[in-house]
Amino acid sequence: MKISGSDLHLFRVFESVVRNGGMTAAQMELSLSQPTVSNHLTALEQRLGVKLCERGRRGFSLTEEGRRVYEISMEITGMLDAGSARLSRVRSALAGKVGVGIVDCLATDPSFRLADAIAELSKAAPEIELDLKIMRPNDITKAVAENEIDIGIGGSDIKVASVQYQILYHEEHAVFCGSSHPLFRRNDETITSAECYGHPWVERGYWYGIRRHRFDTAASNRVTFDIEAQLLMVLSGAYLGVLPIHFARVFEQQGRLRRLPLADEAYSADIDVATRTGEQAANVAYVRDAIIRAHRMHL
């Protein structure tokens, strides 16, 4: 027999009648009329195909089948109540503040789906309070490792053992110059890598390894730690710079930036979600998983 929601309701009515020793007391507990209680018992007997109790002028008494059904009913509803209590405890754990550090200038990237995750969380776990902070990539790694924030989103060249990372998507970068730069109006065919690296560049101070090495031969470097500050220096026409393509697009459309024909995978970055290694608090794990789900849906 497959138990339905209406069956569970009938079982609970039956349990109340047994617990109260008859329909008169049960109807008060259930806030139902006596005929309704009687009809529910009859419906359960018909559903099970057995007589559950004797009821009439001589009082209420269970049949042998009724006693067995009562024991089974108590097991079923007891397991459901225990499961409901466990779910309530899980629900109560999905509350409180969760700190999330994010690198700057991701909002213009159509691949960045944090807004979708926030929308899901506002419905599924409204008692979780997201504390969003814009941070530098290496500061995010340090803050996650030192328990200053719970989750980091970005792309850092430095990885640490106490932090676990999961890639969300690949952020494409390219080399750009401003409209007053000498290379702005040159044909692609006449622009070489050697010439580009002979011009001054503005780079990001948190770059390490191969990305940093690309600029060792540049004529005169300037360093900034924020993408928007880097953009302003490129817009000045005095510097070349590597910028996220999605972030630079609107300035290209305005004729204020030009993408130069230098292709190098070292310019681009993986955007990942970072948490401390080991088991996470329920609310932190829920937020992290919502972020991952939102990005997987748009791969």
C-alpha atoms as a PDB file:
ATOM      1  CA  MET A   1       0.000   0.000   0.000  1.00  0.00           C
ATOM      2  CA  LYS A   2       1.327   3.417  -0.966  1.00  0.00           C
ATOM      3  CA  ILE A   3       0.650   5.989   1.743  1.00  0.00           C
ATOM      4  CA  SER A   4      -0.646   9.377   0.606  1.00  0.00           C
ATOM      5  CA  GLY A   5      -1.009  12.693   2.377  1.00  0.00           C
ATOM      6  CA  SER A   6      -4.709  12.053   2.977  1.00  0.00           C
ATOM      7  CA  ASP A   7      -3.835   8.663   4.510  1.00  0.00           C
ATOM      8  CA  LEU A   8      -1.522  10.387   6.985  1.00  0.00           C
ATOM      9  CA  HIS A   9      -4.346  12.692   8.015  1.00  0.00           C
ATOM     10  CA  LEU A  10      -6.618   9.688   8.631  1.00  0.00           C
ATOM     11  CA  PHE A  11      -3.889   7.986  10.677  1.00  0.00           C
ATOM     12  CA  ARG A  12      -3.532  11.050  12.893  1.00  0.00           C
ATOM     13  CA  VAL A  13      -7.295  11.178  13.473  1.00  0.00           C
ATOM     14  CA  PHE A  14      -7.245   7.484  14.368  1.00  0.00           C
ATOM     15  CA  GLU A  15      -4.333   8.012  16.784  1.00  0.00           C
ATOM     16  CA  SER A  16      -6.200  10.858  18.478  1.00  0.00           C
ATOM     17  CA  VAL A  17      -9.294   8.684  18.957  1.00  0.00           C
ATOM     18  CA  VAL A  18      -7.211   5.875  20.486  1.00  0.00           C
ATOM     19  CA  ARG A  19      -5.210   8.288  22.632  1.00  0.00           C
ATOM     20  CA  ASN A  20      -8.369   9.918  23.976  1.00  0.00           C
ATOM     21  CA  GLY A  21     -10.285   6.675  24.433  1.00  0.00           C
ATOM     22  CA  GLY A  22     -13.059   7.576  22.041  1.00  0.00           C
ATOM     23  CA  MET A  23     -14.441  10.090  19.600  1.00  0.00           C
ATOM     24  CA  THR A  24     -15.961  12.537  22.094  1.00  0.00           C
ATOM     25  CA  ALA A  25     -12.638  13.612  23.594  1.00  0.00           C
ATOM     26  CA  ALA A  26     -10.847  13.309  20.237  1.00  0.00           C
ATOM     27  CA  GLN A  27     -13.203  15.725  18.527  1.00  0.00           C
ATOM     28  CA  MET A  28     -12.173  18.448  20.988  1.00  0.00           C
ATOM     29  CA  GLU A  29      -8.460  17.784  20.389  1.00  0.00           C
ATOM     30  CA  LEU A  30      -8.947  17.735  16.630  1.00  0.00           C
ATOM     31  CA  SER A  31     -11.459  20.607  16.477  1.00  0.00           C
ATOM     32  CA  LEU A  32     -13.710  18.399  14.351  1.00  0.00           C
ATOM     33  CA  SER A  33     -17.333  17.400  14.776  1.00  0.00           C
ATOM     34  CA  GLN A  34     -18.109  13.874  15.987  1.00  0.00           C
ATOM     35  CA  PRO A  35     -19.696  12.854  12.657  1.00  0.00           C
ATOM     36  CA  THR A  36     -16.555  14.056  10.848  1.00  0.00           C
ATOM     37  CA  VAL A  37     -14.307  12.029  13.166  1.00  0.00           C
ATOM     38  CA  SER A  38     -16.534   8.984  12.640  1.00  0.00           C
ATOM     39  CA  ASN A  39     -16.420   9.456   8.866  1.00  0.00           C
ATOM     40  CA  HIS A  40     -12.609   9.642   8.982  1.00  0.00           C
ATOM     41  CA  LEU A  41     -12.421   6.356  10.902  1.00  0.00           C
ATOM     42  CA  THR A  42     -14.761   4.711   8.415  1.00  0.00           C
ATOM     43  CA  ALA A  43     -12.677   6.042   5.513  1.00  0.00           C
ATOM     44  CA  LEU A  44      -9.496   4.596   7.067  1.00  0.00           C
ATOM     45  CA  GLU A  45     -11.176   1.216   7.616  1.00  0.00           C
ATOM     46  CA  GLN A  46     -12.278   1.167   3.990  1.00  0.00           C
ATOM     47  CA  ARG A  47      -8.800   2.178   2.833  1.00  0.00           C
ATOM     48  CA  LEU A  48      -7.151  -0.617   4.843  1.00  0.00           C
ATOM     49  CA  GLY A  49      -9.891  -3.196   4.403  1.00  0.00           C
ATOM     50  CA  VAL A  50     -10.079  -4.025   8.143  1.00  0.00           C
ATOM     51  CA  LYS A  51     -12.319  -3.075  11.068  1.00  0.00           C
ATOM     52  CA  LEU A  52     -10.295  -0.926  13.468  1.00  0.00           C
ATOM     53  CA  CYS A  53     -12.584  -0.497  16.453  1.00  0.00           C
ATOM     54  CA  GLU A  54     -15.936  -1.069  18.072  1.00  0.00           C
ATOM     55  CA  ARG A  55     -17.815   2.149  18.712  1.00  0.00           C
ATOM     56  CA  GLY A  56     -21.320   2.632  19.950  1.00  0.00           C
ATOM     57  CA  ARG A  57     -23.359   2.595  23.149  1.00  0.00           C
ATOM     58  CA  ARG A  58     -21.037   0.104  24.820  1.00  0.00           C
ATOM     59  CA  GLY A  59     -18.077   2.476  24.309  1.00  0.00           C
ATOM     60  CA  PHE A  60     -14.909   2.451  22.286  1.00  0.00           C
ATOM     61  CA  SER A  61     -12.548  -0.511  21.946  1.00  0.00           C
ATOM     62  CA  LEU A  62      -9.886  -1.541  19.453  1.00  0.00           C
ATOM     63  CA  THR A  63     -10.056  -4.742  17.480  1.00  0.00           C
ATOM     64  CA  GLU A  64      -6.939  -6.883  17.197  1.00  0.00           C
ATOM     65  CA  GLU A  65      -6.340  -5.454  13.732  1.00  0.00           C
ATOM     66  CA  GLY A  66      -6.928  -1.966  15.145  1.00  0.00           C
ATOM     67  CA  ARG A  67      -4.197  -2.458  17.753  1.00  0.00           C
ATOM     68  CA  ARG A  68      -1.731  -3.545  15.078  1.00  0.00           C
ATOM     69  CA  VAL A  69      -2.679  -0.645  12.796  1.00  0.00           C
ATOM     70  CA  TYR A  70      -2.312   1.774  15.728  1.00  0.00           C
ATOM     71  CA  GLU A  71       1.251   0.560  16.398  1.00  0.00           C
ATOM     72  CA  ILE A  72       2.172   0.883  12.721  1.00  0.00           C
ATOM     73  CA  SER A  73       0.523   4.299  12.520  1.00  0.00           C
ATOM     74  CA  MET A  74       2.540   5.523  15.506  1.00  0.00           C
ATOM     75  CA  GLU A  75       5.750   4.322  13.843  1.00  0.00           C
ATOM     76  CA  ILE A  76       4.922   6.114  10.579  1.00  0.00           C
ATOM     77  CA  THR A  77       3.882   9.436  12.084  1.00  0.00           C
ATOM     78  CA  GLY A  78       6.707   9.259  14.622  1.00  0.00           C
ATOM     79  CA  MET A  79       9.299   8.942  11.853  1.00  0.00           C
ATOM     80  CA  LEU A  80       7.702  11.830   9.982  1.00  0.00           C
ATOM     81  CA  ASP A  81       7.698  14.021  13.081  1.00  0.00           C
ATOM     82  CA  ALA A  82      11.345  13.187  13.766  1.00  0.00           C
ATOM     83  CA  GLY A  83      12.255  14.006  10.177  1.00  0.00           C
ATOM     84  CA  SER A  84      10.341  17.258  10.380  1.00  0.00           C
ATOM     85  CA  ALA A  85      12.248  18.206  13.523  1.00  0.00           C
ATOM     86  CA  ARG A  86      15.564  17.471  11.816  1.00  0.00           C
ATOM     87  CA  LEU A  87      14.574  19.578   8.823  1.00  0.00           C
ATOM     88  CA  SER A  88      13.617  22.405  11.159  1.00  0.00           C
ATOM     89  CA  ARG A  89      17.066  22.262  12.734  1.00  0.00           C
ATOM     90  CA  VAL A  90      18.642  22.436   9.285  1.00  0.00           C
ATOM     91  CA  ARG A  91      16.421  25.366   8.446  1.00  0.00           C
ATOM     92  CA  SER A  92      17.390  27.192  11.634  1.00  0.00           C
ATOM     93  CA  ALA A  93      21.070  26.717  10.700  1.00  0.00           C
ATOM     94  CA  LEU A  94      20.445  28.562   7.421  1.00  0.00           C
ATOM     95  CA  ALA A  95      20.595  31.928   9.118  1.00  0.00           C
ATOM     96  CA  GLY A  96      23.099  34.519  10.221  1.00  0.00           C
ATOM     97  CA  LYS A  97      25.748  36.552   8.449  1.00  0.00           C
ATOM     98  CA  VAL A  98      27.952  35.098   5.709  1.00  0.00           C
ATOM     99  CA  GLY A  99      30.867  37.296   4.637  1.00  0.00           C
ATOM    100  CA  VAL A 100      31.693  37.235   0.917  1.00  0.00           C
ATOM    101  CA  GLY A 101      34.722  38.998  -0.567  1.00  0.00           C
ATOM    102  CA  ILE A 102      34.585  39.793  -4.301  1.00  0.00           C
ATOM    103  CA  VAL A 103      37.181  41.224  -6.665  1.00  0.00           C
ATOM    104  CA  ASP A 104      36.264  44.494  -8.336  1.00  0.00           C
ATOM    105  CA  CYS A 105      34.623  44.993 -11.722  1.00  0.00           C
ATOM    106  CA  LEU A 106      32.861  41.637 -12.125  1.00  0.00           C
ATOM    107  CA  ALA A 107      29.332  43.032 -12.350  1.00  0.00           C
ATOM    108  CA  THR A 108      29.726  43.868 -16.058  1.00  0.00           C
ATOM    109  CA  ASP A 109      30.637  40.271 -16.928  1.00  0.00           C
ATOM    110  CA  PRO A 110      27.610  38.311 -18.239  1.00  0.00           C
ATOM    111  CA  SER A 111      29.321  35.117 -17.042  1.00  0.00           C
ATOM    112  CA  PHE A 112      29.282  36.371 -13.451  1.00  0.00           C
ATOM    113  CA  ARG A 113      26.042  35.012 -11.949  1.00  0.00           C
ATOM    114  CA  LEU A 114      26.266  36.071  -8.309  1.00  0.00           C
ATOM    115  CA  ALA A 115      23.038  38.053  -8.702  1.00  0.00           C
ATOM    116  CA  ASP A 116      21.246  34.804  -9.626  1.00  0.00           C
ATOM    117  CA  ALA A 117      22.597  33.128  -6.493  1.00  0.00           C
ATOM    118  CA  ILE A 118      21.456  36.065  -4.356  1.00  0.00           C
ATOM    119  CA  ALA A 119      17.971  35.815  -5.866  1.00  0.00           C
ATOM    120  CA  GLU A 120      17.831  32.099  -5.004  1.00  0.00           C
ATOM    121  CA  LEU A 121      19.051  32.705  -1.453  1.00  0.00           C
ATOM    122  CA  SER A 122      16.513  35.466  -0.844  1.00  0.00           C
ATOM    123  CA  LYS A 123      13.743  32.927  -1.485  1.00  0.00           C
ATOM    124  CA  ALA A 124      15.204  29.662  -0.185  1.00  0.00           C
ATOM    125  CA  ALA A 125      17.131  30.986   2.827  1.00  0.00           C
ATOM    126  CA  PRO A 126      15.895  34.516   3.593  1.00  0.00           C
ATOM    127  CA  GLU A 127      17.393  34.493   7.088  1.00  0.00           C
ATOM    128  CA  ILE A 128      20.939  34.323   5.713  1.00  0.00           C
ATOM    129  CA  GLU A 129      22.459  37.804   5.633  1.00  0.00           C
ATOM    130  CA  LEU A 130      25.072  38.258   2.914  1.00  0.00           C
ATOM    131  CA  ASP A 131      27.830  40.724   3.778  1.00  0.00           C
ATOM    132  CA  LEU A 132      29.425  41.564   0.416  1.00  0.00           C
ATOM    133  CA  LYS A 133      32.791  43.330   0.253  1.00  0.00           C
ATOM    134  CA  ILE A 134      34.879  44.407  -2.747  1.00  0.00           C
ATOM    135  CA  MET A 135      38.470  43.316  -2.093  1.00  0.00           C
ATOM    136  CA  ARG A 136      41.785  42.757  -3.858  1.00  0.00           C
ATOM    137  CA  PRO A 137      42.392  39.151  -4.960  1.00  0.00           C
ATOM    138  CA  ASN A 138      45.284  38.401  -2.620  1.00  0.00           C
ATOM    139  CA  ASP A 139      43.478  40.099   0.268  1.00  0.00           C
ATOM    140  CA  ILE A 140      40.544  37.759  -0.373  1.00  0.00           C
ATOM    141  CA  THR A 141      42.763  34.683  -0.103  1.00  0.00           C
ATOM    142  CA  LYS A 142      44.290  35.965   3.137  1.00  0.00           C
ATOM    143  CA  ALA A 143      40.891  36.910   4.602  1.00  0.00           C
ATOM    144  CA  VAL A 144      39.408  33.479   3.844  1.00  0.00           C
ATOM    145  CA  ALA A 145      42.437  31.691   5.295  1.00  0.00           C
ATOM    146  CA  GLU A 146      42.342  33.797   8.468  1.00  0.00           C
ATOM    147  CA  ASN A 147      38.566  33.438   8.941  1.00  0.00           C
ATOM    148  CA  GLU A 148      37.893  37.133   8.352  1.00  0.00           C
ATOM    149  CA  ILE A 149      35.405  36.298   5.593  1.00  0.00           C
ATOM    150  CA  ASP A 150      33.651  33.027   4.791  1.00  0.00           C
ATOM    151  CA  ILE A 151      33.738  32.962   0.992  1.00  0.00           C
ATOM    152  CA  GLY A 152      35.926  34.582  -1.633  1.00  0.00           C
ATOM    153  CA  ILE A 153      35.163  35.127  -5.308  1.00  0.00           C
ATOM    154  CA  GLY A 154      37.936  36.144  -7.681  1.00  0.00           C
ATOM    155  CA  GLY A 155      41.123  35.079  -9.368  1.00  0.00           C
ATOM    156  CA  SER A 156      44.322  35.113  -7.351  1.00  0.00           C
ATOM    157  CA  ASP A 157      47.759  34.108  -8.607  1.00  0.00           C
ATOM    158  CA  ILE A 158      48.574  32.922  -5.075  1.00  0.00           C
ATOM    159  CA  LYS A 159      46.919  29.741  -3.752  1.00  0.00           C
ATOM    160  CA  VAL A 160      47.291  28.565  -0.148  1.00  0.00           C
ATOM    161  CA  ALA A 161      46.831  25.082   1.292  1.00  0.00           C
ATOM    162  CA  SER A 162      44.308  26.145   3.934  1.00  0.00           C
ATOM    163  CA  VAL A 163      41.872  27.379   1.271  1.00  0.00           C
ATOM    164  CA  GLN A 164      39.982  25.245  -1.259  1.00  0.00           C
ATOM    165  CA  TYR A 165      39.103  26.651  -4.680  1.00  0.00           C
ATOM    166  CA  GLN A 166      36.523  25.777  -7.314  1.00  0.00           C
ATOM    167  CA  ILE A 167      36.611  27.439 -10.724  1.00  0.00           C
ATOM    168  CA  LEU A 168      33.381  29.196 -11.719  1.00  0.00           C
ATOM    169  CA  TYR A 169      34.388  30.417 -15.191  1.00  0.00           C
ATOM    170  CA  HIS A 170      37.236  31.904 -17.244  1.00  0.00           C
ATOM    171  CA  GLU A 171      37.459  35.712 -17.476  1.00  0.00           C
ATOM    172  CA  GLU A 172      38.969  36.879 -20.765  1.00  0.00           C
ATOM    173  CA  HIS A 173      41.405  39.814 -20.752  1.00  0.00           C
ATOM    174  CA  ALA A 174      43.088  41.711 -23.574  1.00  0.00           C
ATOM    175  CA  VAL A 175      45.551  44.564 -24.108  1.00  0.00           C
ATOM    176  CA  PHE A 176      44.035  48.021 -24.593  1.00  0.00           C
ATOM    177  CA  CYS A 177      45.209  51.543 -25.324  1.00  0.00           C
ATOM    178  CA  GLY A 178      43.429  54.885 -25.029  1.00  0.00           C
ATOM    179  CA  SER A 179      42.277  57.028 -27.963  1.00  0.00           C
ATOM    180  CA  SER A 180      45.259  59.408 -27.665  1.00  0.00           C
ATOM    181  CA  HIS A 181      47.869  56.625 -27.595  1.00  0.00           C
ATOM    182  CA  PRO A 182      50.212  56.392 -30.643  1.00  0.00           C
ATOM    183  CA  LEU A 183      48.981  52.839 -31.390  1.00  0.00           C
ATOM    184  CA  PHE A 184      45.283  53.706 -31.376  1.00  0.00           C
ATOM    185  CA  ARG A 185      44.970  54.422 -35.128  1.00  0.00           C
ATOM    186  CA  ARG A 186      47.598  51.989 -36.389  1.00  0.00           C
ATOM    187  CA  ASN A 187      46.657  48.983 -38.539  1.00  0.00           C
ATOM    188  CA  ASP A 188      46.773  45.652 -36.718  1.00  0.00           C
ATOM    189  CA  GLU A 189      49.307  44.304 -39.223  1.00  0.00           C
ATOM    190  CA  THR A 190      51.862  46.957 -38.284  1.00  0.00           C
ATOM    191  CA  ILE A 191      51.698  46.379 -34.510  1.00  0.00           C
ATOM    192  CA  THR A 192      54.163  43.898 -33.017  1.00  0.00           C
ATOM    193  CA  SER A 193      54.565  42.527 -29.509  1.00  0.00           C
ATOM    194  CA  ALA A 194      58.074  43.944 -29.294  1.00  0.00           C
ATOM    195  CA  GLU A 195      56.804  47.429 -30.102  1.00  0.00           C
ATOM    196  CA  CYS A 196      53.986  47.151 -27.563  1.00  0.00           C
ATOM    197  CA  TYR A 197      56.374  46.146 -24.809  1.00  0.00           C
ATOM    198  CA  GLY A 198      58.467  49.173 -25.716  1.00  0.00           C
ATOM    199  CA  HIS A 199      55.648  51.443 -24.535  1.00  0.00           C
ATOM    200  CA  PRO A 200      54.856  52.219 -20.886  1.00  0.00           C
ATOM    201  CA  TRP A 201      52.362  49.852 -19.264  1.00  0.00           C
ATOM    202  CA  VAL A 202      50.175  49.991 -16.189  1.00  0.00           C
ATOM    203  CA  GLU A 203      49.916  46.639 -14.433  1.00  0.00           C
ATOM    204  CA  ARG A 204      48.192  45.310 -11.355  1.00  0.00           C
ATOM    205  CA  GLY A 205      50.332  45.006  -8.260  1.00  0.00           C
ATOM    206  CA  TYR A 206      48.849  41.692  -7.190  1.00  0.00           C
ATOM    207  CA  TRP A 207      49.989  39.852 -10.333  1.00  0.00           C
ATOM    208  CA  TYR A 208      52.629  37.176  -9.819  1.00  0.00           C
ATOM    209  CA  GLY A 209      54.418  34.536 -11.845  1.00  0.00           C
ATOM    210  CA  ILE A 210      53.982  34.469 -15.604  1.00  0.00           C
ATOM    211  CA  ARG A 211      51.617  37.431 -15.733  1.00  0.00           C
ATOM    212  CA  ARG A 212      54.116  39.593 -13.864  1.00  0.00           C
ATOM    213  CA  HIS A 213      56.999  38.338 -16.026  1.00  0.00           C
ATOM    214  CA  ARG A 214      55.254  39.561 -19.195  1.00  0.00           C
ATOM    215  CA  PHE A 215      55.994  43.155 -18.181  1.00  0.00           C
ATOM    216  CA  ASP A 216      59.621  42.814 -17.086  1.00  0.00           C
ATOM    217  CA  THR A 217      60.792  44.235 -20.415  1.00  0.00           C
ATOM    218  CA  ALA A 218      58.235  47.054 -20.613  1.00  0.00           C
ATOM    219  CA  ALA A 219      59.715  50.542 -20.916  1.00  0.00           C
ATOM    220  CA  SER A 220      58.188  52.147 -17.843  1.00  0.00           C
ATOM    221  CA  ASN A 221      55.682  50.390 -15.614  1.00  0.00           C
ATOM    222  CA  ARG A 222      53.116  51.907 -13.328  1.00  0.00           C
ATOM    223  CA  VAL A 223      51.345  49.803 -10.729  1.00  0.00           C
ATOM    224  CA  THR A 224      47.805  49.972  -9.403  1.00  0.00           C
ATOM    225  CA  PHE A 225      45.785  47.535  -7.318  1.00  0.00           C
ATOM    226  CA  ASP A 226      42.322  48.349  -8.687  1.00  0.00           C
ATOM    227  CA  ILE A 227      40.990  47.667 -12.176  1.00  0.00           C
ATOM    228  CA  GLU A 228      39.067  50.939 -12.390  1.00  0.00           C
ATOM    229  CA  ALA A 229      42.221  52.886 -11.501  1.00  0.00           C
ATOM    230  CA  GLN A 230      44.081  50.912 -14.156  1.00  0.00           C
ATOM    231  CA  LEU A 231      41.355  51.759 -16.676  1.00  0.00           C
ATOM    232  CA  LEU A 232      41.721  55.478 -15.979  1.00  0.00           C
ATOM    233  CA  MET A 233      45.459  55.301 -16.643  1.00  0.00           C
ATOM    234  CA  VAL A 234      44.869  53.451 -19.925  1.00  0.00           C
ATOM    235  CA  LEU A 235      42.209  55.984 -20.940  1.00  0.00           C
ATOM    236  CA  SER A 236      44.806  58.725 -20.431  1.00  0.00           C
ATOM    237  CA  GLY A 237      46.652  57.479 -23.516  1.00  0.00           C
ATOM    238  CA  ALA A 238      49.936  57.330 -21.625  1.00  0.00           C
ATOM    239  CA  TYR A 239      49.881  53.587 -20.892  1.00  0.00           C
ATOM    240  CA  LEU A 240      48.932  50.220 -22.302  1.00  0.00           C
ATOM    241  CA  GLY A 241      47.107  47.883 -19.968  1.00  0.00           C
ATOM    242  CA  VAL A 242      45.518  44.450 -19.697  1.00  0.00           C
ATOM    243  CA  LEU A 243      41.815  44.802 -18.872  1.00  0.00           C
ATOM    244  CA  PRO A 244      38.842  42.416 -18.657  1.00  0.00           C
ATOM    245  CA  ILE A 245      37.162  42.434 -22.063  1.00  0.00           C
ATOM    246  CA  HIS A 246      33.671  42.742 -20.570  1.00  0.00           C
ATOM    247  CA  PHE A 247      34.726  45.759 -18.499  1.00  0.00           C
ATOM    248  CA  ALA A 248      36.428  47.550 -21.395  1.00  0.00           C
ATOM    249  CA  ARG A 249      33.627  46.891 -23.908  1.00  0.00           C
ATOM    250  CA  VAL A 250      31.554  50.000 -23.231  1.00  0.00           C
ATOM    251  CA  PHE A 251      34.637  52.224 -23.599  1.00  0.00           C
ATOM    252  CA  GLU A 252      35.477  50.504 -26.888  1.00  0.00           C
ATOM    253  CA  GLN A 253      31.969  51.246 -28.107  1.00  0.00           C
ATOM    254  CA  GLN A 254      32.445  54.889 -27.135  1.00  0.00           C
ATOM    255  CA  GLY A 255      35.675  55.047 -29.146  1.00  0.00           C
ATOM    256  CA  ARG A 256      37.771  55.721 -26.050  1.00  0.00           C
ATOM    257  CA  LEU A 257      39.638  52.386 -25.983  1.00  0.00           C
ATOM    258  CA  ARG A 258      41.115  50.120 -28.623  1.00  0.00           C
ATOM    259  CA  ARG A 259      41.861  46.425 -28.224  1.00  0.00           C
ATOM    260  CA  LEU A 260      45.340  45.666 -29.532  1.00  0.00           C
ATOM    261  CA  PRO A 261      46.214  42.486 -31.487  1.00  0.00           C
ATOM    262  CA  LEU A 262      48.221  40.777 -28.749  1.00  0.00           C
ATOM    263  CA  ALA A 263      46.970  37.284 -27.900  1.00  0.00           C
ATOM    264  CA  ASP A 264      48.333  35.712 -24.735  1.00  0.00           C
ATOM    265  CA  GLU A 265      46.528  33.313 -22.383  1.00  0.00           C
ATOM    266  CA  ALA A 266      48.625  34.650 -19.512  1.00  0.00           C
ATOM    267  CA  TYR A 267      46.521  37.806 -19.607  1.00  0.00           C
ATOM    268  CA  SER A 268      43.298  36.021 -18.645  1.00  0.00           C
ATOM    269  CA  ALA A 269      42.177  34.636 -15.286  1.00  0.00           C
ATOM    270  CA  ASP A 270      40.042  31.913 -13.748  1.00  0.00           C
ATOM    271  CA  ILE A 271      37.333  33.259 -11.477  1.00  0.00           C
ATOM    272  CA  ASP A 272      36.902  30.849  -8.588  1.00  0.00           C
ATOM    273  CA  VAL A 273      34.982  30.512  -5.340  1.00  0.00           C
ATOM    274  CA  ALA A 274      37.163  29.968  -2.281  1.00  0.00           C
ATOM    275  CA  THR A 275      36.370  28.648   1.198  1.00  0.00           C
ATOM    276  CA  ARG A 276      38.471  27.309   4.030  1.00  0.00           C
ATOM    277  CA  THR A 277      39.389  23.643   3.782  1.00  0.00           C
ATOM    278  CA  GLY A 278      37.351  21.221   5.866  1.00  0.00           C
ATOM    279  CA  GLU A 279      33.682  21.153   6.782  1.00  0.00           C
ATOM    280  CA  GLN A 280      31.812  24.429   6.457  1.00  0.00           C
ATOM    281  CA  ALA A 281      29.054  25.846   8.632  1.00  0.00           C
ATOM    282  CA  ALA A 282      25.646  25.021   7.159  1.00  0.00           C
ATOM    283  CA  ASN A 283      24.905  28.591   6.081  1.00  0.00           C
ATOM    284  CA  VAL A 284      28.343  29.051   4.480  1.00  0.00           C
ATOM    285  CA  ALA A 285      28.089  25.747   2.591  1.00  0.00           C
ATOM    286  CA  TYR A 286      24.593  26.651   1.406  1.00  0.00           C
ATOM    287  CA  VAL A 287      25.731  30.022   0.038  1.00  0.00           C
ATOM    288  CA  ARG A 288      28.822  28.506  -1.613  1.00  0.00           C
ATOM    289  CA  ASP A 289      26.723  25.788  -3.284  1.00  0.00           C
ATOM    290  CA  ALA A 290      24.161  28.355  -4.473  1.00  0.00           C
ATOM    291  CA  ILE A 291      26.977  30.352  -6.103  1.00  0.00           C
ATOM    292  CA  ILE A 292      28.334  27.243  -7.830  1.00  0.00           C
ATOM    293  CA  ARG A 293      24.857  26.189  -9.016  1.00  0.00           C
ATOM    294  CA  ALA A 294      24.138  29.622 -10.468  1.00  0.00           C
ATOM    295  CA  HIS A 295      27.304  29.521 -12.565  1.00  0.00           C
ATOM    296  CA  ARG A 296      26.877  25.908 -13.713  1.00  0.00           C
ATOM    297  CA  MET A 297      23.429  26.740 -15.060  1.00  0.00           C
ATOM    298  CA  HIS A 298      24.980  29.272 -17.446  1.00  0.00           C
ATOM    299  CA  LEU A 299      28.036  27.389 -18.662  1.00  0.00           C
END
